[in-house]
Amino acid sequence: MSESPTVGELFKADTVTDDQLSAAVEVYLTDLYADTFPLTDGYVIDLDAAVAAHPWASLVVANEESSLSLKRGIVRMAIMLAPVRKV
């Protein structure tokens, strides 16, 4: 695993659970200005930066006509692609 792994890499390694990932998605969707989120022991992620780094995710989340399930899926994808920070 790299020195700055992505959430997806931690998920594959069973370091991040599906429940933890789902919690991160829900936190972002309830607080669009969510910042640092404690993903799992020893790792945090900047949720806002994760979504901002993915242009399509930003557009889908900003679109009031996007369904909640579409928003959940795209935010989840953006989070999976985002690097984590070890604390």
PDB file of N, CA and C in Angstrom:
ATOM      1  N   MET A   1       0.843  -1.173   0.000  1.00  0.00           N
ATOM      2  CA  MET A   1       0.000   0.000   0.000  1.00  0.00           C
ATOM      3  C   MET A   1       0.891   1.239   0.000  1.00  0.00           C
ATOM      4  N   SER A   2       0.460   2.256  -0.717  1.00  0.00           N
ATOM      5  CA  SER A   2       1.269   3.472  -0.822  1.00  0.00           C
ATOM      6  C   SER A   2       1.277   4.242   0.494  1.00  0.00           C
ATOM      7  N   GLU A   3       2.157   5.232   0.556  1.00  0.00           N
ATOM      8  CA  GLU A   3       2.283   6.034   1.764  1.00  0.00           C
ATOM      9  C   GLU A   3       1.025   6.878   1.999  1.00  0.00           C
ATOM     10  N   SER A   4       0.392   7.314   0.931  1.00  0.00           N
ATOM     11  CA  SER A   4      -0.852   8.069   1.015  1.00  0.00           C
ATOM     12  C   SER A   4      -1.936   7.310   0.240  1.00  0.00           C
ATOM     13  N   PRO A   5      -2.476   6.259   0.852  1.00  0.00           N
ATOM     14  CA  PRO A   5      -3.441   5.420   0.134  1.00  0.00           C
ATOM     15  C   PRO A   5      -4.766   6.142  -0.087  1.00  0.00           C
ATOM     16  N   THR A   6      -5.520   5.636  -1.036  1.00  0.00           N
ATOM     17  CA  THR A   6      -6.874   6.143  -1.238  1.00  0.00           C
ATOM     18  C   THR A   6      -7.824   5.369  -0.338  1.00  0.00           C
ATOM     19  N   VAL A   7      -9.007   5.894  -0.195  1.00  0.00           N
ATOM     20  CA  VAL A   7     -10.025   5.191   0.578  1.00  0.00           C
ATOM     21  C   VAL A   7     -10.299   3.836  -0.070  1.00  0.00           C
ATOM     22  N   GLY A   8     -10.309   3.799  -1.397  1.00  0.00           N
ATOM     23  CA  GLY A   8     -10.536   2.546  -2.106  1.00  0.00           C
ATOM     24  C   GLY A   8      -9.491   1.492  -1.782  1.00  0.00           C
ATOM     25  N   GLU A   9      -8.235   1.909  -1.683  1.00  0.00           N
ATOM     26  CA  GLU A   9      -7.168   0.965  -1.327  1.00  0.00           C
ATOM     27  C   GLU A   9      -7.365   0.438   0.089  1.00  0.00           C
ATOM     28  N   LEU A  10      -7.757   1.320   1.008  1.00  0.00           N
ATOM     29  CA  LEU A  10      -8.016   0.881   2.386  1.00  0.00           C
ATOM     30  C   LEU A  10      -9.240  -0.030   2.446  1.00  0.00           C
ATOM     31  N   PHE A  11     -10.221   0.244   1.598  1.00  0.00           N
ATOM     32  CA  PHE A  11     -11.414  -0.586   1.535  1.00  0.00           C
ATOM     33  C   PHE A  11     -11.061  -1.992   1.046  1.00  0.00           C
ATOM     34  N   LYS A  12     -10.246  -2.051   0.004  1.00  0.00           N
ATOM     35  CA  LYS A  12      -9.806  -3.354  -0.518  1.00  0.00           C
ATOM     36  C   LYS A  12      -9.027  -4.145   0.524  1.00  0.00           C
ATOM     37  N   ALA A  13      -8.262  -3.435   1.342  1.00  0.00           N
ATOM     38  CA  ALA A  13      -7.445  -4.081   2.368  1.00  0.00           C
ATOM     39  C   ALA A  13      -8.242  -4.372   3.641  1.00  0.00           C
ATOM     40  N   ASP A  14      -9.543  -4.125   3.604  1.00  0.00           N
ATOM     41  CA  ASP A  14     -10.430  -4.324   4.756  1.00  0.00           C
ATOM     42  C   ASP A  14     -10.060  -3.460   5.953  1.00  0.00           C
ATOM     43  N   THR A  15      -9.442  -2.327   5.701  1.00  0.00           N
ATOM     44  CA  THR A  15      -9.130  -1.372   6.765  1.00  0.00           C
ATOM     45  C   THR A  15     -10.309  -0.434   6.976  1.00  0.00           C
ATOM     46  N   VAL A  16     -11.042  -0.166   5.901  1.00  0.00           N
ATOM     47  CA  VAL A  16     -12.257   0.648   5.950  1.00  0.00           C
ATOM     48  C   VAL A  16     -13.427  -0.274   5.623  1.00  0.00           C
ATOM     49  N   THR A  17     -14.469  -0.208   6.439  1.00  0.00           N
ATOM     50  CA  THR A  17     -15.642  -1.053   6.219  1.00  0.00           C
ATOM     51  C   THR A  17     -16.683  -0.325   5.366  1.00  0.00           C
ATOM     52  N   ASP A  18     -17.622  -1.086   4.871  1.00  0.00           N
ATOM     53  CA  ASP A  18     -18.718  -0.509   4.108  1.00  0.00           C
ATOM     54  C   ASP A  18     -19.520   0.460   4.975  1.00  0.00           C
ATOM     55  N   ASP A  19     -19.705   0.128   6.245  1.00  0.00           N
ATOM     56  CA  ASP A  19     -20.439   1.013   7.163  1.00  0.00           C
ATOM     57  C   ASP A  19     -19.711   2.339   7.357  1.00  0.00           C
ATOM     58  N   GLN A  20     -18.387   2.299   7.482  1.00  0.00           N
ATOM     59  CA  GLN A  20     -17.608   3.528   7.642  1.00  0.00           C
ATOM     60  C   GLN A  20     -17.693   4.394   6.386  1.00  0.00           C
ATOM     61  N   LEU A  21     -17.633   3.750   5.244  1.00  0.00           N
ATOM     62  CA  LEU A  21     -17.739   4.462   3.975  1.00  0.00           C
ATOM     63  C   LEU A  21     -19.129   5.080   3.828  1.00  0.00           C
ATOM     64  N   SER A  22     -20.154   4.329   4.151  1.00  0.00           N
ATOM     65  CA  SER A  22     -21.526   4.845   4.085  1.00  0.00           C
ATOM     66  C   SER A  22     -21.726   6.010   5.044  1.00  0.00           C
ATOM     67  N   ALA A  23     -21.123   5.934   6.221  1.00  0.00           N
ATOM     68  CA  ALA A  23     -21.224   7.028   7.193  1.00  0.00           C
ATOM     69  C   ALA A  23     -20.586   8.294   6.632  1.00  0.00           C
ATOM     70  N   ALA A  24     -19.453   8.160   5.958  1.00  0.00           N
ATOM     71  CA  ALA A  24     -18.785   9.320   5.362  1.00  0.00           C
ATOM     72  C   ALA A  24     -19.669   9.957   4.296  1.00  0.00           C
ATOM     73  N   VAL A  25     -20.315   9.137   3.485  1.00  0.00           N
ATOM     74  CA  VAL A  25     -21.214   9.645   2.447  1.00  0.00           C
ATOM     75  C   VAL A  25     -22.367  10.411   3.085  1.00  0.00           C
ATOM     76  N   GLU A  26     -22.983   9.833   4.107  1.00  0.00           N
ATOM     77  CA  GLU A  26     -24.121  10.488   4.755  1.00  0.00           C
ATOM     78  C   GLU A  26     -23.721  11.792   5.431  1.00  0.00           C
ATOM     79  N   VAL A  27     -22.543  11.824   6.057  1.00  0.00           N
ATOM     80  CA  VAL A  27     -22.071  13.060   6.677  1.00  0.00           C
ATOM     81  C   VAL A  27     -21.911  14.135   5.611  1.00  0.00           C
ATOM     82  N   TYR A  28     -21.307  13.783   4.489  1.00  0.00           N
ATOM     83  CA  TYR A  28     -21.130  14.785   3.433  1.00  0.00           C
ATOM     84  C   TYR A  28     -22.478  15.274   2.915  1.00  0.00           C
ATOM     85  N   LEU A  29     -23.416  14.378   2.684  1.00  0.00           N
ATOM     86  CA  LEU A  29     -24.702  14.781   2.120  1.00  0.00           C
ATOM     87  C   LEU A  29     -25.561  15.587   3.090  1.00  0.00           C
ATOM     88  N   THR A  30     -25.322  15.450   4.382  1.00  0.00           N
ATOM     89  CA  THR A  30     -26.074  16.247   5.352  1.00  0.00           C
ATOM     90  C   THR A  30     -25.365  17.549   5.696  1.00  0.00           C
ATOM     91  N   ASP A  31     -24.077  17.633   5.384  1.00  0.00           N
ATOM     92  CA  ASP A  31     -23.297  18.847   5.644  1.00  0.00           C
ATOM     93  C   ASP A  31     -22.363  19.070   4.465  1.00  0.00           C
ATOM     94  N   LEU A  32     -22.836  19.829   3.462  1.00  0.00           N
ATOM     95  CA  LEU A  32     -22.060  20.012   2.237  1.00  0.00           C
ATOM     96  C   LEU A  32     -20.741  20.753   2.460  1.00  0.00           C
ATOM     97  N   TYR A  33     -20.535  21.238   3.667  1.00  0.00           N
ATOM     98  CA  TYR A  33     -19.265  21.896   3.988  1.00  0.00           C
ATOM     99  C   TYR A  33     -18.451  21.036   4.949  1.00  0.00           C
ATOM    100  N   ALA A  34     -18.742  19.739   4.931  1.00  0.00           N
ATOM    101  CA  ALA A  34     -18.024  18.809   5.803  1.00  0.00           C
ATOM    102  C   ALA A  34     -16.538  18.876   5.507  1.00  0.00           C
ATOM    103  N   ASP A  35     -15.781  18.817   6.533  1.00  0.00           N
ATOM    104  CA  ASP A  35     -14.333  18.945   6.396  1.00  0.00           C
ATOM    105  C   ASP A  35     -13.703  17.603   6.743  1.00  0.00           C
ATOM    106  N   THR A  36     -12.816  17.591   7.682  1.00  0.00           N
ATOM    107  CA  THR A  36     -12.108  16.384   8.071  1.00  0.00           C
ATOM    108  C   THR A  36     -13.056  15.403   8.751  1.00  0.00           C
ATOM    109  N   PHE A  37     -13.009  14.164   8.279  1.00  0.00           N
ATOM    110  CA  PHE A  37     -13.873  13.111   8.816  1.00  0.00           C
ATOM    111  C   PHE A  37     -13.002  11.937   9.243  1.00  0.00           C
ATOM    112  N   PRO A  38     -13.142  11.478  10.504  1.00  0.00           N
ATOM    113  CA  PRO A  38     -12.367  10.321  10.963  1.00  0.00           C
ATOM    114  C   PRO A  38     -12.925   9.035  10.352  1.00  0.00           C
ATOM    115  N   LEU A  39     -12.294   8.579   9.299  1.00  0.00           N
ATOM    116  CA  LEU A  39     -12.794   7.447   8.532  1.00  0.00           C
ATOM    117  C   LEU A  39     -12.653   6.128   9.280  1.00  0.00           C
ATOM    118  N   THR A  40     -11.464   5.876   9.805  1.00  0.00           N
ATOM    119  CA  THR A  40     -11.181   4.664  10.555  1.00  0.00           C
ATOM    120  C   THR A  40     -10.011   4.976  11.486  1.00  0.00           C
ATOM    121  N   ASP A  41      -9.700   4.079  12.379  1.00  0.00           N
ATOM    122  CA  ASP A  41      -8.601   4.335  13.318  1.00  0.00           C
ATOM    123  C   ASP A  41      -7.328   4.703  12.574  1.00  0.00           C
ATOM    124  N   GLY A  42      -6.836   5.906  12.851  1.00  0.00           N
ATOM    125  CA  GLY A  42      -5.576   6.338  12.278  1.00  0.00           C
ATOM    126  C   GLY A  42      -5.668   7.037  10.945  1.00  0.00           C
ATOM    127  N   TYR A  43      -6.865   7.148  10.354  1.00  0.00           N
ATOM    128  CA  TYR A  43      -7.011   7.779   9.045  1.00  0.00           C
ATOM    129  C   TYR A  43      -8.185   8.756   9.039  1.00  0.00           C
ATOM    130  N   VAL A  44      -7.960   9.910   8.412  1.00  0.00           N
ATOM    131  CA  VAL A  44      -9.021  10.894   8.209  1.00  0.00           C
ATOM    132  C   VAL A  44      -9.064  11.250   6.729  1.00  0.00           C
ATOM    133  N   ILE A  45     -10.201  11.791   6.323  1.00  0.00           N
ATOM    134  CA  ILE A  45     -10.368  12.234   4.948  1.00  0.00           C
ATOM    135  C   ILE A  45     -11.047  13.594   4.958  1.00  0.00           C
ATOM    136  N   ASP A  46     -10.672  14.446   4.029  1.00  0.00           N
ATOM    137  CA  ASP A  46     -11.330  15.734   3.835  1.00  0.00           C
ATOM    138  C   ASP A  46     -12.454  15.490   2.831  1.00  0.00           C
ATOM    139  N   LEU A  47     -13.678  15.382   3.326  1.00  0.00           N
ATOM    140  CA  LEU A  47     -14.813  15.055   2.470  1.00  0.00           C
ATOM    141  C   LEU A  47     -15.063  16.123   1.410  1.00  0.00           C
ATOM    142  N   ASP A  48     -14.972  17.378   1.804  1.00  0.00           N
ATOM    143  CA  ASP A  48     -15.199  18.463   0.857  1.00  0.00           C
ATOM    144  C   ASP A  48     -14.183  18.424  -0.277  1.00  0.00           C
ATOM    145  N   ALA A  49     -12.925  18.204   0.061  1.00  0.00           N
ATOM    146  CA  ALA A  49     -11.873  18.132  -0.951  1.00  0.00           C
ATOM    147  C   ALA A  49     -12.056  16.916  -1.854  1.00  0.00           C
ATOM    148  N   ALA A  50     -12.537  15.813  -1.281  1.00  0.00           N
ATOM    149  CA  ALA A  50     -12.746  14.601  -2.071  1.00  0.00           C
ATOM    150  C   ALA A  50     -13.780  14.837  -3.164  1.00  0.00           C
ATOM    151  N   VAL A  51     -14.877  15.472  -2.815  1.00  0.00           N
ATOM    152  CA  VAL A  51     -15.927  15.728  -3.797  1.00  0.00           C
ATOM    153  C   VAL A  51     -15.513  16.838  -4.751  1.00  0.00           C
ATOM    154  N   ALA A  52     -14.858  17.868  -4.237  1.00  0.00           N
ATOM    155  CA  ALA A  52     -14.413  18.975  -5.089  1.00  0.00           C
ATOM    156  C   ALA A  52     -13.400  18.511  -6.128  1.00  0.00           C
ATOM    157  N   ALA A  53     -12.624  17.507  -5.805  1.00  0.00           N
ATOM    158  CA  ALA A  53     -11.600  16.998  -6.727  1.00  0.00           C
ATOM    159  C   ALA A  53     -12.203  16.189  -7.872  1.00  0.00           C
ATOM    160  N   HIS A  54     -13.452  15.846  -7.741  1.00  0.00           N
ATOM    161  CA  HIS A  54     -14.125  15.049  -8.767  1.00  0.00           C
ATOM    162  C   HIS A  54     -15.195  15.934  -9.423  1.00  0.00           C
ATOM    163  N   PRO A  55     -14.904  16.507 -10.607  1.00  0.00           N
ATOM    164  CA  PRO A  55     -15.828  17.475 -11.222  1.00  0.00           C
ATOM    165  C   PRO A  55     -17.253  16.964 -11.411  1.00  0.00           C
ATOM    166  N   TRP A  56     -17.409  15.708 -11.813  1.00  0.00           N
ATOM    167  CA  TRP A  56     -18.755  15.194 -12.025  1.00  0.00           C
ATOM    168  C   TRP A  56     -19.508  15.112 -10.702  1.00  0.00           C
ATOM    169  N   ALA A  57     -18.840  14.696  -9.651  1.00  0.00           N
ATOM    170  CA  ALA A  57     -19.483  14.618  -8.342  1.00  0.00           C
ATOM    171  C   ALA A  57     -19.965  15.993  -7.896  1.00  0.00           C
ATOM    172  N   SER A  58     -19.142  16.996  -8.108  1.00  0.00           N
ATOM    173  CA  SER A  58     -19.522  18.362  -7.733  1.00  0.00           C
ATOM    174  C   SER A  58     -20.779  18.801  -8.470  1.00  0.00           C
ATOM    175  N   LEU A  59     -20.850  18.492  -9.757  1.00  0.00           N
ATOM    176  CA  LEU A  59     -22.020  18.879 -10.562  1.00  0.00           C
ATOM    177  C   LEU A  59     -23.280  18.141 -10.116  1.00  0.00           C
ATOM    178  N   VAL A  60     -23.164  16.851  -9.885  1.00  0.00           N
ATOM    179  CA  VAL A  60     -24.325  16.052  -9.482  1.00  0.00           C
ATOM    180  C   VAL A  60     -24.844  16.519  -8.128  1.00  0.00           C
ATOM    181  N   VAL A  61     -23.968  16.748  -7.179  1.00  0.00           N
ATOM    182  CA  VAL A  61     -24.379  17.172  -5.841  1.00  0.00           C
ATOM    183  C   VAL A  61     -25.029  18.551  -5.888  1.00  0.00           C
ATOM    184  N   ALA A  62     -24.526  19.427  -6.731  1.00  0.00           N
ATOM    185  CA  ALA A  62     -25.072  20.783  -6.823  1.00  0.00           C
ATOM    186  C   ALA A  62     -26.407  20.842  -7.557  1.00  0.00           C
ATOM    187  N   ASN A  63     -26.713  19.836  -8.355  1.00  0.00           N
ATOM    188  CA  ASN A  63     -27.936  19.822  -9.149  1.00  0.00           C
ATOM    189  C   ASN A  63     -29.119  19.393  -8.276  1.00  0.00           C
ATOM    190  N   GLU A  64     -30.060  20.294  -8.073  1.00  0.00           N
ATOM    191  CA  GLU A  64     -31.223  19.996  -7.229  1.00  0.00           C
ATOM    192  C   GLU A  64     -32.100  18.898  -7.822  1.00  0.00           C
ATOM    193  N   GLU A  65     -31.986  18.657  -9.121  1.00  0.00           N
ATOM    194  CA  GLU A  65     -32.801  17.627  -9.768  1.00  0.00           C
ATOM    195  C   GLU A  65     -32.189  16.231  -9.652  1.00  0.00           C
ATOM    196  N   SER A  66     -30.961  16.136  -9.181  1.00  0.00           N
ATOM    197  CA  SER A  66     -30.329  14.828  -9.006  1.00  0.00           C
ATOM    198  C   SER A  66     -31.008  14.080  -7.868  1.00  0.00           C
ATOM    199  N   SER A  67     -31.252  12.805  -8.083  1.00  0.00           N
ATOM    200  CA  SER A  67     -31.880  11.996  -7.035  1.00  0.00           C
ATOM    201  C   SER A  67     -30.894  11.763  -5.893  1.00  0.00           C
ATOM    202  N   LEU A  68     -31.426  11.464  -4.734  1.00  0.00           N
ATOM    203  CA  LEU A  68     -30.582  11.190  -3.576  1.00  0.00           C
ATOM    204  C   LEU A  68     -29.720   9.957  -3.815  1.00  0.00           C
ATOM    205  N   SER A  69     -30.261   8.952  -4.482  1.00  0.00           N
ATOM    206  CA  SER A  69     -29.466   7.744  -4.734  1.00  0.00           C
ATOM    207  C   SER A  69     -28.310   8.037  -5.694  1.00  0.00           C
ATOM    208  N   LEU A  70     -28.528   8.897  -6.692  1.00  0.00           N
ATOM    209  CA  LEU A  70     -27.437   9.289  -7.587  1.00  0.00           C
ATOM    210  C   LEU A  70     -26.375  10.062  -6.816  1.00  0.00           C
ATOM    211  N   LYS A  71     -26.808  10.973  -5.959  1.00  0.00           N
ATOM    212  CA  LYS A  71     -25.854  11.745  -5.151  1.00  0.00           C
ATOM    213  C   LYS A  71     -25.048  10.821  -4.243  1.00  0.00           C
ATOM    214  N   ARG A  72     -25.715   9.872  -3.614  1.00  0.00           N
ATOM    215  CA  ARG A  72     -24.994   8.932  -2.743  1.00  0.00           C
ATOM    216  C   ARG A  72     -23.934   8.163  -3.523  1.00  0.00           C
ATOM    217  N   GLY A  73     -24.317   7.666  -4.685  1.00  0.00           N
ATOM    218  CA  GLY A  73     -23.388   6.874  -5.486  1.00  0.00           C
ATOM    219  C   GLY A  73     -22.183   7.668  -5.951  1.00  0.00           C
ATOM    220  N   ILE A  74     -22.393   8.874  -6.416  1.00  0.00           N
ATOM    221  CA  ILE A  74     -21.278   9.673  -6.939  1.00  0.00           C
ATOM    222  C   ILE A  74     -20.386  10.182  -5.810  1.00  0.00           C
ATOM    223  N   VAL A  75     -20.976  10.510  -4.667  1.00  0.00           N
ATOM    224  CA  VAL A  75     -20.165  10.932  -3.522  1.00  0.00           C
ATOM    225  C   VAL A  75     -19.343   9.746  -3.022  1.00  0.00           C
ATOM    226  N   ARG A  76     -19.930   8.583  -2.997  1.00  0.00           N
ATOM    227  CA  ARG A  76     -19.198   7.373  -2.594  1.00  0.00           C
ATOM    228  C   ARG A  76     -18.006   7.141  -3.520  1.00  0.00           C
ATOM    229  N   MET A  77     -18.224   7.285  -4.826  1.00  0.00           N
ATOM    230  CA  MET A  77     -17.134   7.101  -5.784  1.00  0.00           C
ATOM    231  C   MET A  77     -16.033   8.136  -5.556  1.00  0.00           C
ATOM    232  N   ALA A  78     -16.415   9.391  -5.358  1.00  0.00           N
ATOM    233  CA  ALA A  78     -15.418  10.439  -5.127  1.00  0.00           C
ATOM    234  C   ALA A  78     -14.609  10.156  -3.864  1.00  0.00           C
ATOM    235  N   ILE A  79     -15.276   9.684  -2.823  1.00  0.00           N
ATOM    236  CA  ILE A  79     -14.584   9.363  -1.575  1.00  0.00           C
ATOM    237  C   ILE A  79     -13.648   8.178  -1.778  1.00  0.00           C
ATOM    238  N   MET A  80     -14.088   7.170  -2.513  1.00  0.00           N
ATOM    239  CA  MET A  80     -13.232   5.993  -2.762  1.00  0.00           C
ATOM    240  C   MET A  80     -11.941   6.379  -3.494  1.00  0.00           C
ATOM    241  N   LEU A  81     -12.010   7.370  -4.358  1.00  0.00           N
ATOM    242  CA  LEU A  81     -10.843   7.787  -5.139  1.00  0.00           C
ATOM    243  C   LEU A  81      -9.924   8.748  -4.385  1.00  0.00           C
ATOM    244  N   ALA A  82     -10.396   9.272  -3.276  1.00  0.00           N
ATOM    245  CA  ALA A  82      -9.660  10.300  -2.539  1.00  0.00           C
ATOM    246  C   ALA A  82      -8.581   9.705  -1.628  1.00  0.00           C
ATOM    247  N   PRO A  83      -7.480  10.421  -1.498  1.00  0.00           N
ATOM    248  CA  PRO A  83      -6.439   9.974  -0.563  1.00  0.00           C
ATOM    249  C   PRO A  83      -6.853  10.253   0.878  1.00  0.00           C
ATOM    250  N   VAL A  84      -6.334   9.463   1.780  1.00  0.00           N
ATOM    251  CA  VAL A  84      -6.572   9.680   3.208  1.00  0.00           C
ATOM    252  C   VAL A  84      -5.297  10.261   3.827  1.00  0.00           C
ATOM    253  N   ARG A  85      -5.465  10.788   5.006  1.00  0.00           N
ATOM    254  CA  ARG A  85      -4.320  11.311   5.762  1.00  0.00           C
ATOM    255  C   ARG A  85      -4.205  10.491   7.042  1.00  0.00           C
ATOM    256  N   LYS A  86      -3.011  10.022   7.306  1.00  0.00           N
ATOM    257  CA  LYS A  86      -2.755   9.248   8.514  1.00  0.00           C
ATOM    258  C   LYS A  86      -2.601  10.219   9.694  1.00  0.00           C
ATOM    259  N   VAL A  87      -3.246   9.890  10.793  1.00  0.00           N
ATOM    260  CA  VAL A  87      -3.155  10.756  11.987  1.00  0.00           C
ATOM    261  C   VAL A  87      -2.554   9.994  13.141  1.00  0.00           C
TER     262      VAL A  87
END
